[in-house]
Amino acid sequence: MTVRVGVIGAGIMGSDHAAIADGRVSGATVTAVADLDVERAADVAGRLRNARVAESPFELIAAEDVDAIVVASADASHAEFTLAAIAAGKPVLCEKPLAPDVGSCDAIVDADDRARERLGRGLVSVGFMRRFDPAYVSLKHAIVEESIGRTVLLNCESRGVTSGPGTTSEGAITGSTIHELDIVPWLLDSPVVEARWDAPVSAVEGLVDPQVVTLRTESGALAVVETYLNARYGYDIRCEAVGTTGTAAIHTTDDGRVTITGELHRAESYGADWRRRFAEAYRIEVQAWVDSLRDERPSPLADARAGRAATVLAQAVIDSMHERRTVEVPR
């Protein structure tokens, strides 16, 4: 069985997902691409083996030659297209965030729950690819196996070269920090119950950057998350777990290796964006999704409820930003 994939969105994320699904994983082919910019969709489709340009995202979702959908369009459109895919009974891999607002996430979770009742499995997967990154998987193993004792603190740093046009302080949280808002509870296997936002004096007009978020989990561990979109020097992702008997850390390198305290490794270069650092994570993620579709089993990716949880936490962080206080995270 070959899974015929339709891709909505022909920007950087959409074109990368299309290339992965059409040429870097087994068992899949991209048959249709849709974008508001028809020329951009045609450019992406023209680089694939046998893809056409769909008349619209909704035509793509309904098409008989599309079995499953990747939603990689603008964040604000994720809910509309994901709900349409559920209504069509087709599995959907939605890039993060599932939706930028909690109400839209609630609608998706409700629709996916009804699909699960009919089909025995949900239709929604969310693209939190760090769960498939070999470095983060190794770090989780070190935490679970207590190689560093009981983990009591995570230090997470996410730095980019420059922010995109029109990026807001709130958008930095829902579009970038949200990766950490998913990975922290995943690494620690404990939900976040409190969030607090803070920031130094900002050097970017119209955008508070960098931002620092402190999270407390139900288990009592803390995570300190730095998001710095305009760090200039390169794309640099780090995560250090501090335990009662040692530390384990991810430092940015081409292979994203994990180093244990005492085993020094220095990164000599940084990419311009996420594509080099997380290329393998995206490939593993899409392959896992395709394999689950071919085997007709539940997707191992983050589900709709995990996507909602990240957006709920993002809203708590934004509330803390506006109210300048620690915010309790609702369930």
C-alpha atoms as a PDB file:
ATOM      1  CA  MET A   1       0.000   0.000   0.000  1.00  0.00           C
ATOM      2  CA  THR A   2       1.241   3.453  -0.922  1.00  0.00           C
ATOM      3  CA  VAL A   3      -0.236   6.328   1.082  1.00  0.00           C
ATOM      4  CA  ARG A   4      -1.227   9.184  -1.215  1.00  0.00           C
ATOM      5  CA  VAL A   5      -0.530  12.423   0.617  1.00  0.00           C
ATOM      6  CA  GLY A   6      -1.908  15.880  -0.051  1.00  0.00           C
ATOM      7  CA  VAL A   7       0.048  18.858   1.294  1.00  0.00           C
ATOM      8  CA  ILE A   8      -1.683  22.126   2.222  1.00  0.00           C
ATOM      9  CA  GLY A   9       0.796  24.997   2.315  1.00  0.00           C
ATOM     10  CA  ALA A  10       3.728  25.487  -0.043  1.00  0.00           C
ATOM     11  CA  GLY A  11       5.966  27.656   2.121  1.00  0.00           C
ATOM     12  CA  ILE A  12       9.130  26.435   3.812  1.00  0.00           C
ATOM     13  CA  MET A  13       7.369  23.901   6.046  1.00  0.00           C
ATOM     14  CA  GLY A  14       5.006  22.661   3.358  1.00  0.00           C
ATOM     15  CA  SER A  15       7.704  22.282   0.712  1.00  0.00           C
ATOM     16  CA  ASP A  16       9.928  20.422   3.192  1.00  0.00           C
ATOM     17  CA  HIS A  17       7.103  18.064   4.203  1.00  0.00           C
ATOM     18  CA  ALA A  18       6.288  17.449   0.557  1.00  0.00           C
ATOM     19  CA  ALA A  19       9.905  16.592  -0.259  1.00  0.00           C
ATOM     20  CA  ILE A  20      10.146  14.259   2.737  1.00  0.00           C
ATOM     21  CA  ALA A  21       6.861  12.458   2.047  1.00  0.00           C
ATOM     22  CA  ASP A  22       7.594  12.116  -1.671  1.00  0.00           C
ATOM     23  CA  GLY A  23      11.230  11.095  -1.605  1.00  0.00           C
ATOM     24  CA  ARG A  24      12.711  10.461   1.825  1.00  0.00           C
ATOM     25  CA  VAL A  25      10.290   7.972   3.378  1.00  0.00           C
ATOM     26  CA  SER A  26       8.991   4.638   2.152  1.00  0.00           C
ATOM     27  CA  GLY A  27       5.381   3.859   1.432  1.00  0.00           C
ATOM     28  CA  ALA A  28       4.187   7.340   0.479  1.00  0.00           C
ATOM     29  CA  THR A  29       3.823   9.639  -2.489  1.00  0.00           C
ATOM     30  CA  VAL A  30       2.555  13.212  -2.720  1.00  0.00           C
ATOM     31  CA  THR A  31      -0.307  13.487  -5.194  1.00  0.00           C
ATOM     32  CA  ALA A  32      -1.541  17.060  -4.609  1.00  0.00           C
ATOM     33  CA  VAL A  33      -0.324  20.421  -3.296  1.00  0.00           C
ATOM     34  CA  ALA A  34      -2.501  23.411  -2.413  1.00  0.00           C
ATOM     35  CA  ASP A  35      -1.585  26.986  -1.523  1.00  0.00           C
ATOM     36  CA  LEU A  36      -3.196  30.413  -1.785  1.00  0.00           C
ATOM     37  CA  ASP A  37      -0.245  31.269  -4.047  1.00  0.00           C
ATOM     38  CA  VAL A  38      -0.901  28.980  -7.021  1.00  0.00           C
ATOM     39  CA  GLU A  39       2.527  29.647  -8.539  1.00  0.00           C
ATOM     40  CA  ARG A  40       4.230  28.619  -5.316  1.00  0.00           C
ATOM     41  CA  ALA A  41       2.143  25.441  -5.195  1.00  0.00           C
ATOM     42  CA  ALA A  42       3.080  24.704  -8.800  1.00  0.00           C
ATOM     43  CA  ASP A  43       6.762  25.170  -7.995  1.00  0.00           C
ATOM     44  CA  VAL A  44       6.577  22.638  -5.154  1.00  0.00           C
ATOM     45  CA  ALA A  45       4.474  20.175  -7.166  1.00  0.00           C
ATOM     46  CA  GLY A  46       6.887  20.443 -10.091  1.00  0.00           C
ATOM     47  CA  ARG A  47       9.747  19.175  -7.909  1.00  0.00           C
ATOM     48  CA  LEU A  48       7.858  16.043  -6.925  1.00  0.00           C
ATOM     49  CA  ARG A  49       7.390  12.770  -8.774  1.00  0.00           C
ATOM     50  CA  ASN A  50       3.697  12.897  -9.678  1.00  0.00           C
ATOM     51  CA  ALA A  51       1.961  15.743  -7.870  1.00  0.00           C
ATOM     52  CA  ARG A  52      -0.682  18.090  -9.200  1.00  0.00           C
ATOM     53  CA  VAL A  53      -1.801  21.508  -8.010  1.00  0.00           C
ATOM     54  CA  ALA A  54      -5.144  21.332  -6.224  1.00  0.00           C
ATOM     55  CA  GLU A  55      -7.749  23.996  -6.936  1.00  0.00           C
ATOM     56  CA  SER A  56      -8.093  24.719  -3.211  1.00  0.00           C
ATOM     57  CA  PRO A  57      -7.277  23.139   0.164  1.00  0.00           C
ATOM     58  CA  PHE A  58     -10.854  21.862   0.367  1.00  0.00           C
ATOM     59  CA  GLU A  59     -10.676  20.278  -3.107  1.00  0.00           C
ATOM     60  CA  LEU A  60      -7.452  18.575  -2.005  1.00  0.00           C
ATOM     61  CA  ILE A  61      -9.077  17.262   1.188  1.00  0.00           C
ATOM     62  CA  ALA A  62     -12.045  15.823  -0.731  1.00  0.00           C
ATOM     63  CA  ALA A  63      -9.992  14.427  -3.625  1.00  0.00           C
ATOM     64  CA  GLU A  64     -10.164  10.693  -4.344  1.00  0.00           C
ATOM     65  CA  ASP A  65      -6.436  10.590  -5.059  1.00  0.00           C
ATOM     66  CA  VAL A  66      -5.565  11.836  -1.533  1.00  0.00           C
ATOM     67  CA  ASP A  67      -5.599   9.399   1.387  1.00  0.00           C
ATOM     68  CA  ALA A  68      -4.018  11.595   4.064  1.00  0.00           C
ATOM     69  CA  ILE A  69      -3.298  15.285   4.531  1.00  0.00           C
ATOM     70  CA  VAL A  70      -0.403  17.365   5.812  1.00  0.00           C
ATOM     71  CA  VAL A  71      -1.470  20.812   7.038  1.00  0.00           C
ATOM     72  CA  ALA A  72       1.523  23.172   6.861  1.00  0.00           C
ATOM     73  CA  SER A  73      -0.270  26.420   6.080  1.00  0.00           C
ATOM     74  CA  ALA A  74      -0.403  29.573   8.210  1.00  0.00           C
ATOM     75  CA  ASP A  75      -1.059  28.865  11.899  1.00  0.00           C
ATOM     76  CA  ALA A  76      -4.434  30.622  11.866  1.00  0.00           C
ATOM     77  CA  SER A  77      -5.723  28.229   9.176  1.00  0.00           C
ATOM     78  CA  HIS A  78      -4.742  24.980  10.925  1.00  0.00           C
ATOM     79  CA  ALA A  79      -8.059  24.420  12.678  1.00  0.00           C
ATOM     80  CA  GLU A  80     -10.205  25.002   9.581  1.00  0.00           C
ATOM     81  CA  PHE A  81      -8.287  22.537   7.434  1.00  0.00           C
ATOM     82  CA  THR A  82      -7.806  19.965  10.191  1.00  0.00           C
ATOM     83  CA  LEU A  83     -11.538  19.945  10.960  1.00  0.00           C
ATOM     84  CA  ALA A  84     -12.288  19.546   7.238  1.00  0.00           C
ATOM     85  CA  ALA A  85      -9.925  16.557   7.071  1.00  0.00           C
ATOM     86  CA  ILE A  86     -11.619  14.944  10.070  1.00  0.00           C
ATOM     87  CA  ALA A  87     -15.025  15.511   8.486  1.00  0.00           C
ATOM     88  CA  ALA A  88     -13.747  13.778   5.335  1.00  0.00           C
ATOM     89  CA  GLY A  89     -12.549  10.837   7.446  1.00  0.00           C
ATOM     90  CA  LYS A  90      -8.919  11.335   6.448  1.00  0.00           C
ATOM     91  CA  PRO A  91      -5.847  11.225   8.718  1.00  0.00           C
ATOM     92  CA  VAL A  92      -4.138  14.587   9.092  1.00  0.00           C
ATOM     93  CA  LEU A  93      -0.655  15.581  10.219  1.00  0.00           C
ATOM     94  CA  CYS A  94      -1.009  19.184  11.373  1.00  0.00           C
ATOM     95  CA  GLU A  95       2.117  21.229  11.907  1.00  0.00           C
ATOM     96  CA  LYS A  96       2.425  22.911  15.290  1.00  0.00           C
ATOM     97  CA  PRO A  97       0.539  24.611  16.739  1.00  0.00           C
ATOM     98  CA  LEU A  98      -2.602  22.534  16.395  1.00  0.00           C
ATOM     99  CA  ALA A  99      -4.289  25.943  16.587  1.00  0.00           C
ATOM    100  CA  PRO A 100      -3.159  29.226  18.148  1.00  0.00           C
ATOM    101  CA  ASP A 101      -6.245  29.464  20.407  1.00  0.00           C
ATOM    102  CA  VAL A 102      -7.739  27.036  22.924  1.00  0.00           C
ATOM    103  CA  GLY A 103     -11.286  27.234  21.557  1.00  0.00           C
ATOM    104  CA  SER A 104     -10.199  25.965  18.132  1.00  0.00           C
ATOM    105  CA  CYS A 105      -8.179  23.184  19.782  1.00  0.00           C
ATOM    106  CA  ASP A 106     -11.268  22.163  21.764  1.00  0.00           C
ATOM    107  CA  ALA A 107     -13.269  21.870  18.538  1.00  0.00           C
ATOM    108  CA  ILE A 108     -10.572  19.665  16.984  1.00  0.00           C
ATOM    109  CA  VAL A 109     -10.335  17.418  20.054  1.00  0.00           C
ATOM    110  CA  ASP A 110     -14.124  16.974  20.101  1.00  0.00           C
ATOM    111  CA  ALA A 111     -14.220  16.102  16.389  1.00  0.00           C
ATOM    112  CA  ASP A 112     -11.272  13.719  16.745  1.00  0.00           C
ATOM    113  CA  ASP A 113     -12.902  11.998  19.726  1.00  0.00           C
ATOM    114  CA  ARG A 114     -16.010  11.366  17.633  1.00  0.00           C
ATOM    115  CA  ALA A 115     -13.839   9.973  14.837  1.00  0.00           C
ATOM    116  CA  ARG A 116     -12.122   7.683  17.354  1.00  0.00           C
ATOM    117  CA  GLU A 117     -15.512   6.351  18.455  1.00  0.00           C
ATOM    118  CA  ARG A 118     -16.336   5.478  14.838  1.00  0.00           C
ATOM    119  CA  LEU A 119     -12.970   4.201  13.708  1.00  0.00           C
ATOM    120  CA  GLY A 120     -11.260   2.959  16.850  1.00  0.00           C
ATOM    121  CA  ARG A 121      -8.412   5.475  16.422  1.00  0.00           C
ATOM    122  CA  GLY A 122      -8.035   9.215  16.116  1.00  0.00           C
ATOM    123  CA  LEU A 123      -7.268  10.971  12.857  1.00  0.00           C
ATOM    124  CA  VAL A 124      -5.155  13.888  14.141  1.00  0.00           C
ATOM    125  CA  SER A 125      -1.384  13.924  14.597  1.00  0.00           C
ATOM    126  CA  VAL A 126       0.536  17.076  15.554  1.00  0.00           C
ATOM    127  CA  GLY A 127       4.002  17.881  14.216  1.00  0.00           C
ATOM    128  CA  PHE A 128       6.023  18.157  17.419  1.00  0.00           C
ATOM    129  CA  MET A 129       9.032  16.618  15.687  1.00  0.00           C
ATOM    130  CA  ARG A 130      11.406  16.957  18.656  1.00  0.00           C
ATOM    131  CA  ARG A 131       9.751  13.844  20.095  1.00  0.00           C
ATOM    132  CA  PHE A 132      11.434  11.966  17.220  1.00  0.00           C
ATOM    133  CA  ASP A 133      14.796  13.748  17.272  1.00  0.00           C
ATOM    134  CA  PRO A 134      17.483  11.183  18.231  1.00  0.00           C
ATOM    135  CA  ALA A 135      19.074  13.638  20.677  1.00  0.00           C
ATOM    136  CA  TYR A 136      15.833  14.334  22.543  1.00  0.00           C
ATOM    137  CA  VAL A 137      14.979  10.611  22.549  1.00  0.00           C
ATOM    138  CA  SER A 138      18.393   9.875  24.102  1.00  0.00           C
ATOM    139  CA  LEU A 139      17.897  12.631  26.651  1.00  0.00           C
ATOM    140  CA  LYS A 140      14.498  11.209  27.615  1.00  0.00           C
ATOM    141  CA  HIS A 141      16.076   7.775  28.082  1.00  0.00           C
ATOM    142  CA  ALA A 142      18.698   9.294  30.386  1.00  0.00           C
ATOM    143  CA  ILE A 143      15.921  10.929  32.429  1.00  0.00           C
ATOM    144  CA  VAL A 144      13.702   7.834  32.561  1.00  0.00           C
ATOM    145  CA  GLU A 145      16.604   5.532  33.440  1.00  0.00           C
ATOM    146  CA  GLU A 146      17.774   8.040  36.081  1.00  0.00           C
ATOM    147  CA  SER A 147      21.313   8.044  34.653  1.00  0.00           C
ATOM    148  CA  ILE A 148      21.671  11.442  36.365  1.00  0.00           C
ATOM    149  CA  GLY A 149      19.534  10.614  39.364  1.00  0.00           C
ATOM    150  CA  ARG A 150      16.120  12.229  39.643  1.00  0.00           C
ATOM    151  CA  THR A 151      15.779  15.150  37.232  1.00  0.00           C
ATOM    152  CA  VAL A 152      14.857  18.321  39.094  1.00  0.00           C
ATOM    153  CA  LEU A 153      15.580  21.044  36.502  1.00  0.00           C
ATOM    154  CA  LEU A 154      15.545  21.528  32.736  1.00  0.00           C
ATOM    155  CA  ASN A 155      17.360  24.417  31.058  1.00  0.00           C
ATOM    156  CA  CYS A 156      16.009  24.901  27.530  1.00  0.00           C
ATOM    157  CA  GLU A 157      17.429  27.444  25.094  1.00  0.00           C
ATOM    158  CA  SER A 158      15.956  28.123  21.656  1.00  0.00           C
ATOM    159  CA  ARG A 159      17.764  30.731  19.555  1.00  0.00           C
ATOM    160  CA  GLY A 160      17.332  31.816  15.961  1.00  0.00           C
ATOM    161  CA  VAL A 161      19.026  34.209  13.561  1.00  0.00           C
ATOM    162  CA  THR A 162      16.186  36.665  13.058  1.00  0.00           C
ATOM    163  CA  SER A 163      12.438  36.800  13.611  1.00  0.00           C
ATOM    164  CA  GLY A 164      10.023  36.722  10.705  1.00  0.00           C
ATOM    165  CA  PRO A 165       8.208  39.849   9.494  1.00  0.00           C
ATOM    166  CA  GLY A 166       5.411  40.920  11.789  1.00  0.00           C
ATOM    167  CA  THR A 167       6.305  38.536  14.615  1.00  0.00           C
ATOM    168  CA  THR A 168       4.680  39.581  17.891  1.00  0.00           C
ATOM    169  CA  SER A 169       5.662  38.753  21.439  1.00  0.00           C
ATOM    170  CA  GLU A 170       2.605  36.500  21.711  1.00  0.00           C
ATOM    171  CA  GLY A 171       3.338  34.932  18.319  1.00  0.00           C
ATOM    172  CA  ALA A 172       6.828  34.024  19.486  1.00  0.00           C
ATOM    173  CA  ILE A 173       5.199  31.886  22.172  1.00  0.00           C
ATOM    174  CA  THR A 174       2.567  30.157  20.022  1.00  0.00           C
ATOM    175  CA  GLY A 175       4.942  29.722  17.074  1.00  0.00           C
ATOM    176  CA  SER A 176       8.338  29.020  18.660  1.00  0.00           C
ATOM    177  CA  THR A 177       8.275  28.539  22.440  1.00  0.00           C
ATOM    178  CA  ILE A 178       5.463  26.038  21.919  1.00  0.00           C
ATOM    179  CA  HIS A 179       8.076  23.409  21.009  1.00  0.00           C
ATOM    180  CA  GLU A 180       9.407  23.605  24.570  1.00  0.00           C
ATOM    181  CA  LEU A 181       5.873  23.761  25.960  1.00  0.00           C
ATOM    182  CA  ASP A 182       5.373  20.308  24.440  1.00  0.00           C
ATOM    183  CA  ILE A 183       8.807  18.811  25.049  1.00  0.00           C
ATOM    184  CA  VAL A 184       9.153  19.737  28.742  1.00  0.00           C
ATOM    185  CA  PRO A 185       6.175  17.663  29.973  1.00  0.00           C
ATOM    186  CA  TRP A 186       7.126  14.934  27.465  1.00  0.00           C
ATOM    187  CA  LEU A 187      10.685  14.681  28.774  1.00  0.00           C
ATOM    188  CA  LEU A 188       9.645  14.787  32.426  1.00  0.00           C
ATOM    189  CA  ASP A 189       6.474  12.710  31.960  1.00  0.00           C
ATOM    190  CA  SER A 190       4.621  15.226  34.104  1.00  0.00           C
ATOM    191  CA  PRO A 191       2.142  17.979  33.168  1.00  0.00           C
ATOM    192  CA  VAL A 192       2.995  21.634  33.742  1.00  0.00           C
ATOM    193  CA  VAL A 193       0.925  23.202  36.525  1.00  0.00           C
ATOM    194  CA  GLU A 194       2.407  26.717  36.762  1.00  0.00           C
ATOM    195  CA  ALA A 195       3.924  29.147  34.273  1.00  0.00           C
ATOM    196  CA  ARG A 196       5.628  32.497  34.636  1.00  0.00           C
ATOM    197  CA  TRP A 197       6.863  34.814  31.866  1.00  0.00           C
ATOM    198  CA  ASP A 198       9.666  37.360  32.138  1.00  0.00           C
ATOM    199  CA  ALA A 199      12.049  39.243  29.868  1.00  0.00           C
ATOM    200  CA  PRO A 200      15.045  41.584  29.957  1.00  0.00           C
ATOM    201  CA  VAL A 201      15.043  44.924  28.173  1.00  0.00           C
ATOM    202  CA  SER A 202      14.148  44.193  24.546  1.00  0.00           C
ATOM    203  CA  ALA A 203      16.358  45.339  21.684  1.00  0.00           C
ATOM    204  CA  VAL A 204      13.787  44.633  18.938  1.00  0.00           C
ATOM    205  CA  GLU A 205      11.089  47.198  18.197  1.00  0.00           C
ATOM    206  CA  GLY A 206       7.590  45.812  18.586  1.00  0.00           C
ATOM    207  CA  LEU A 207       8.790  42.439  19.903  1.00  0.00           C
ATOM    208  CA  VAL A 208       9.958  41.446  23.371  1.00  0.00           C
ATOM    209  CA  ASP A 209      13.029  39.347  22.587  1.00  0.00           C
ATOM    210  CA  PRO A 210      14.480  37.338  24.264  1.00  0.00           C
ATOM    211  CA  GLN A 211      11.774  35.936  26.511  1.00  0.00           C
ATOM    212  CA  VAL A 212      12.194  33.657  29.529  1.00  0.00           C
ATOM    213  CA  VAL A 213       9.495  31.295  30.811  1.00  0.00           C
ATOM    214  CA  THR A 214       9.655  29.313  34.038  1.00  0.00           C
ATOM    215  CA  LEU A 215       7.509  26.189  34.230  1.00  0.00           C
ATOM    216  CA  ARG A 216       6.752  24.015  37.269  1.00  0.00           C
ATOM    217  CA  THR A 217       5.564  20.457  36.672  1.00  0.00           C
ATOM    218  CA  GLU A 218       3.217  18.378  38.774  1.00  0.00           C
ATOM    219  CA  SER A 219       6.225  16.300  39.878  1.00  0.00           C
ATOM    220  CA  GLY A 220       7.886  19.431  41.312  1.00  0.00           C
ATOM    221  CA  ALA A 221      10.597  19.818  38.670  1.00  0.00           C
ATOM    222  CA  LEU A 222      11.329  23.226  37.156  1.00  0.00           C
ATOM    223  CA  ALA A 223      12.093  24.149  33.553  1.00  0.00           C
ATOM    224  CA  VAL A 224      13.626  27.461  32.496  1.00  0.00           C
ATOM    225  CA  VAL A 225      12.899  28.183  28.827  1.00  0.00           C
ATOM    226  CA  GLU A 226      14.684  30.886  26.841  1.00  0.00           C
ATOM    227  CA  THR A 227      13.324  31.931  23.440  1.00  0.00           C
ATOM    228  CA  TYR A 228      15.572  34.316  21.524  1.00  0.00           C
ATOM    229  CA  LEU A 229      14.457  34.801  17.935  1.00  0.00           C
ATOM    230  CA  ASN A 230      17.080  37.423  17.015  1.00  0.00           C
ATOM    231  CA  ALA A 231      20.261  35.892  18.431  1.00  0.00           C
ATOM    232  CA  ARG A 232      21.964  36.661  15.077  1.00  0.00           C
ATOM    233  CA  TYR A 233      24.794  34.111  15.291  1.00  0.00           C
ATOM    234  CA  GLY A 234      22.816  31.040  14.178  1.00  0.00           C
ATOM    235  CA  TYR A 235      20.123  28.506  14.916  1.00  0.00           C
ATOM    236  CA  ASP A 236      21.032  27.060  18.304  1.00  0.00           C
ATOM    237  CA  ILE A 237      18.905  24.627  20.313  1.00  0.00           C
ATOM    238  CA  ARG A 238      20.072  23.393  23.712  1.00  0.00           C
ATOM    239  CA  CYS A 239      18.489  21.398  26.494  1.00  0.00           C
ATOM    240  CA  GLU A 240      20.137  20.390  29.754  1.00  0.00           C
ATOM    241  CA  ALA A 241      18.625  18.065  32.331  1.00  0.00           C
ATOM    242  CA  VAL A 242      19.976  18.614  35.830  1.00  0.00           C
ATOM    243  CA  GLY A 243      19.619  15.640  38.128  1.00  0.00           C
ATOM    244  CA  THR A 244      20.446  14.816  41.702  1.00  0.00           C
ATOM    245  CA  THR A 245      23.666  13.024  40.665  1.00  0.00           C
ATOM    246  CA  GLY A 246      24.664  14.643  37.336  1.00  0.00           C
ATOM    247  CA  THR A 247      23.566  16.314  34.125  1.00  0.00           C
ATOM    248  CA  ALA A 248      22.788  15.343  30.544  1.00  0.00           C
ATOM    249  CA  ALA A 249      22.663  17.919  27.767  1.00  0.00           C
ATOM    250  CA  ILE A 250      21.922  18.484  24.106  1.00  0.00           C
ATOM    251  CA  HIS A 251      24.188  21.010  22.415  1.00  0.00           C
ATOM    252  CA  THR A 252      23.688  22.203  18.859  1.00  0.00           C
ATOM    253  CA  THR A 253      25.793  20.235  16.405  1.00  0.00           C
ATOM    254  CA  ASP A 254      25.028  18.893  12.964  1.00  0.00           C
ATOM    255  CA  ASP A 255      24.057  15.529  14.475  1.00  0.00           C
ATOM    256  CA  GLY A 256      22.500  16.923  17.639  1.00  0.00           C
ATOM    257  CA  ARG A 257      24.373  14.499  19.873  1.00  0.00           C
ATOM    258  CA  VAL A 258      23.805  14.266  23.608  1.00  0.00           C
ATOM    259  CA  THR A 259      26.800  14.829  25.867  1.00  0.00           C
ATOM    260  CA  ILE A 260      26.999  13.742  29.471  1.00  0.00           C
ATOM    261  CA  THR A 261      28.854  16.031  31.904  1.00  0.00           C
ATOM    262  CA  GLY A 262      32.598  15.522  31.501  1.00  0.00           C
ATOM    263  CA  GLU A 263      32.396  14.404  27.878  1.00  0.00           C
ATOM    264  CA  LEU A 264      33.101  17.721  26.165  1.00  0.00           C
ATOM    265  CA  HIS A 265      32.002  18.418  22.625  1.00  0.00           C
ATOM    266  CA  ARG A 266      32.133  21.810  20.989  1.00  0.00           C
ATOM    267  CA  ALA A 267      29.857  22.827  18.124  1.00  0.00           C
ATOM    268  CA  GLU A 268      31.844  24.632  15.439  1.00  0.00           C
ATOM    269  CA  SER A 269      29.033  25.869  13.239  1.00  0.00           C
ATOM    270  CA  TYR A 270      25.372  26.777  13.395  1.00  0.00           C
ATOM    271  CA  GLY A 271      22.715  26.558  10.711  1.00  0.00           C
ATOM    272  CA  ALA A 272      20.681  29.512   9.491  1.00  0.00           C
ATOM    273  CA  ASP A 273      17.417  27.839  10.550  1.00  0.00           C
ATOM    274  CA  TRP A 274      15.949  24.585  11.842  1.00  0.00           C
ATOM    275  CA  ARG A 275      16.175  22.539   8.662  1.00  0.00           C
ATOM    276  CA  ARG A 276      19.681  21.134   9.038  1.00  0.00           C
ATOM    277  CA  ARG A 277      19.411  20.537  12.777  1.00  0.00           C
ATOM    278  CA  PHE A 278      16.062  18.713  12.681  1.00  0.00           C
ATOM    279  CA  ALA A 279      16.095  17.163   9.188  1.00  0.00           C
ATOM    280  CA  GLU A 280      16.349  13.640  10.544  1.00  0.00           C
ATOM    281  CA  ALA A 281      13.678  14.278  13.183  1.00  0.00           C
ATOM    282  CA  TYR A 282      11.212  15.357  10.501  1.00  0.00           C
ATOM    283  CA  ARG A 283      12.045  12.309   8.373  1.00  0.00           C
ATOM    284  CA  ILE A 284      11.592   9.900  11.285  1.00  0.00           C
ATOM    285  CA  GLU A 285       8.344  11.629  12.270  1.00  0.00           C
ATOM    286  CA  VAL A 286       6.811  11.438   8.784  1.00  0.00           C
ATOM    287  CA  GLN A 287       7.951   7.820   8.345  1.00  0.00           C
ATOM    288  CA  ALA A 288       6.341   6.889  11.673  1.00  0.00           C
ATOM    289  CA  TRP A 289       3.110   8.588  10.588  1.00  0.00           C
ATOM    290  CA  VAL A 290       3.073   6.859   7.190  1.00  0.00           C
ATOM    291  CA  ASP A 291       3.843   3.460   8.750  1.00  0.00           C
ATOM    292  CA  SER A 292       0.924   3.839  11.165  1.00  0.00           C
ATOM    293  CA  LEU A 293      -1.421   4.640   8.263  1.00  0.00           C
ATOM    294  CA  ARG A 294      -0.247   1.649   6.248  1.00  0.00           C
ATOM    295  CA  ASP A 295      -0.616  -0.662   9.257  1.00  0.00           C
ATOM    296  CA  GLU A 296      -3.967   0.893  10.263  1.00  0.00           C
ATOM    297  CA  ARG A 297      -2.814   1.466  13.833  1.00  0.00           C
ATOM    298  CA  PRO A 298      -2.821   4.562  16.077  1.00  0.00           C
ATOM    299  CA  SER A 299      -0.297   7.240  15.170  1.00  0.00           C
ATOM    300  CA  PRO A 300       2.749   7.445  17.482  1.00  0.00           C
ATOM    301  CA  LEU A 301       2.918  11.227  16.988  1.00  0.00           C
ATOM    302  CA  ALA A 302       1.523  13.752  19.447  1.00  0.00           C
ATOM    303  CA  ASP A 303      -2.260  13.551  19.291  1.00  0.00           C
ATOM    304  CA  ALA A 304      -4.946  16.234  19.331  1.00  0.00           C
ATOM    305  CA  ARG A 305      -5.047  16.338  23.130  1.00  0.00           C
ATOM    306  CA  ALA A 306      -1.284  16.882  23.287  1.00  0.00           C
ATOM    307  CA  GLY A 307      -1.643  19.668  20.741  1.00  0.00           C
ATOM    308  CA  ARG A 308      -4.378  21.237  22.855  1.00  0.00           C
ATOM    309  CA  ALA A 309      -2.264  20.922  26.016  1.00  0.00           C
ATOM    310  CA  ALA A 310       0.573  22.873  24.391  1.00  0.00           C
ATOM    311  CA  THR A 311      -1.795  25.652  23.314  1.00  0.00           C
ATOM    312  CA  VAL A 312      -3.394  25.792  26.775  1.00  0.00           C
ATOM    313  CA  LEU A 313       0.090  26.195  28.251  1.00  0.00           C
ATOM    314  CA  ALA A 314       0.968  28.840  25.641  1.00  0.00           C
ATOM    315  CA  GLN A 315      -2.124  30.812  26.646  1.00  0.00           C
ATOM    316  CA  ALA A 316      -1.105  30.592  30.306  1.00  0.00           C
ATOM    317  CA  VAL A 317       2.316  31.988  29.386  1.00  0.00           C
ATOM    318  CA  ILE A 318       0.697  34.839  27.424  1.00  0.00           C
ATOM    319  CA  ASP A 319      -1.592  35.550  30.394  1.00  0.00           C
ATOM    320  CA  SER A 320       1.502  35.725  32.601  1.00  0.00           C
ATOM    321  CA  MET A 321       3.102  38.139  30.125  1.00  0.00           C
ATOM    322  CA  HIS A 322       0.121  40.471  30.220  1.00  0.00           C
ATOM    323  CA  GLU A 323      -0.595  40.174  33.940  1.00  0.00           C
ATOM    324  CA  ARG A 324       3.004  39.899  35.190  1.00  0.00           C
ATOM    325  CA  ARG A 325       2.252  37.081  37.604  1.00  0.00           C
ATOM    326  CA  THR A 326       2.603  33.329  37.947  1.00  0.00           C
ATOM    327  CA  VAL A 327      -0.365  31.636  36.265  1.00  0.00           C
ATOM    328  CA  GLU A 328      -1.869  28.297  37.210  1.00  0.00           C
ATOM    329  CA  VAL A 329      -2.241  26.136  34.093  1.00  0.00           C
ATOM    330  CA  PRO A 330      -5.788  24.831  33.610  1.00  0.00           C
ATOM    331  CA  ARG A 331      -6.350  21.242  32.536  1.00  0.00           C
END
